[in-house]
């Protein structure tokens, strides 16, 4: 698995950004004075990669959210039908 070397100081200063990258599947070699002292990697890369998509699918829509999506869809369909019914002016 390819990894990016990052100094201990930089890792300390950018820990939140670093953790977000690790959650996306990236691996980092933490170095001190140019020598690798640790690696930061996802605990389970395959599970982490699919976790975001699965979490989004697992959330049920509320009745209000579903009604709003239906309203938007109906508006788009009406606009499309109007555009198709309009005479061609070219």
Protein backbone atom coordinates (compact mmCIF):
# COMPACT_ATOMS: atom_id res chain seq x y z
CA UNK A 1 0.00 0.00 0.00
CA UNK A 2 1.59 3.33 -1.06
CA UNK A 3 2.10 5.86 1.67
CA UNK A 4 3.08 9.47 2.08
CA UNK A 5 5.85 10.50 4.48
CA UNK A 6 4.94 13.30 6.87
CA UNK A 7 7.00 14.76 9.71
CA UNK A 8 5.88 14.36 13.29
CA UNK A 9 5.62 18.14 13.58
CA UNK A 10 3.42 18.44 10.48
CA UNK A 11 1.26 15.52 11.63
CA UNK A 12 0.78 17.20 15.01
CA UNK A 13 -0.16 20.56 13.43
CA UNK A 14 -2.58 19.03 10.89
CA UNK A 15 -4.01 16.11 12.84
CA UNK A 16 -7.67 16.68 11.83
CA UNK A 17 -6.80 16.94 8.14
CA UNK A 18 -4.58 13.88 8.46
CA UNK A 19 -7.34 11.83 10.12
CA UNK A 20 -9.81 12.82 7.39
CA UNK A 21 -7.35 11.58 4.77
CA UNK A 22 -6.85 8.32 6.68
CA UNK A 23 -10.62 7.84 6.79
CA UNK A 24 -10.59 8.15 2.98
CA UNK A 25 -8.08 5.28 2.87
CA UNK A 26 -4.74 7.09 2.73
CA UNK A 27 -1.69 5.81 4.63
CA UNK A 28 0.99 8.03 6.16
CA UNK A 29 4.50 7.28 7.43
CA UNK A 30 5.23 9.54 10.41
CA UNK A 31 8.89 10.57 10.48
CA UNK A 32 11.17 12.11 13.09
CA UNK A 33 14.41 13.60 11.79
CA UNK A 34 13.88 11.77 8.50
CA UNK A 35 13.39 8.31 10.02
CA UNK A 36 10.03 6.56 9.97
CA UNK A 37 8.77 6.07 13.52
CA UNK A 38 5.12 5.12 12.90
CA UNK A 39 2.45 4.54 10.30
CA UNK A 40 -1.05 5.95 10.35
CA UNK A 41 -3.52 3.86 8.36
CA UNK A 42 -7.22 2.96 8.39
CA UNK A 43 -8.05 0.18 10.82
CA UNK A 44 -10.04 -1.63 8.11
CA UNK A 45 -9.61 0.04 4.69
CA UNK A 46 -12.35 -1.92 2.89
CA UNK A 47 -14.93 -1.25 5.57
CA UNK A 48 -13.98 2.43 5.79
CA UNK A 49 -14.35 2.95 2.03
CA UNK A 50 -17.86 1.57 1.94
CA UNK A 51 -18.97 3.05 5.27
CA UNK A 52 -19.82 6.48 3.86
CA UNK A 53 -22.06 5.15 1.07
CA UNK A 54 -23.77 2.63 3.32
CA UNK A 55 -24.47 5.24 5.99
CA UNK A 56 -26.11 7.54 3.45
CA UNK A 57 -28.33 4.73 2.15
CA UNK A 58 -29.29 3.59 5.64
CA UNK A 59 -30.82 6.92 6.68
CA UNK A 60 -34.60 6.83 6.11
CA UNK A 61 -36.30 9.88 4.66
CA UNK A 62 -38.80 11.70 6.81
CA UNK A 63 -42.25 12.30 5.39
CA UNK A 64 -41.45 16.00 5.02
CA UNK A 65 -38.18 15.30 3.18
CA UNK A 66 -39.88 12.81 0.88
CA UNK A 67 -42.69 15.28 0.15
CA UNK A 68 -40.14 17.99 -0.67
CA UNK A 69 -38.27 15.68 -3.05
CA UNK A 70 -41.55 14.75 -4.77
CA UNK A 71 -42.47 18.43 -5.13
CA UNK A 72 -39.09 19.19 -6.73
CA UNK A 73 -39.43 16.22 -9.07
CA UNK A 74 -42.91 17.30 -10.14
CA UNK A 75 -41.63 20.83 -10.81
CA UNK A 76 -38.82 19.46 -12.98
CA UNK A 77 -41.19 17.20 -14.90
CA UNK A 78 -43.57 20.14 -15.51
CA UNK A 79 -40.69 22.25 -16.84
CA UNK A 80 -39.53 19.43 -19.09
CA UNK A 81 -43.03 18.86 -20.48
CA UNK A 82 -43.46 22.59 -21.08
CA UNK A 83 -40.14 22.75 -22.93
CA UNK A 84 -41.09 19.77 -25.09
CA UNK A 85 -44.53 21.21 -25.88
CA UNK A 86 -43.20 24.67 -26.81
CA UNK A 87 -43.09 25.32 -30.54
CA UNK A 88 -39.63 25.34 -32.09
CA UNK A 89 -38.81 28.96 -32.94
CA UNK A 90 -35.66 28.25 -34.96
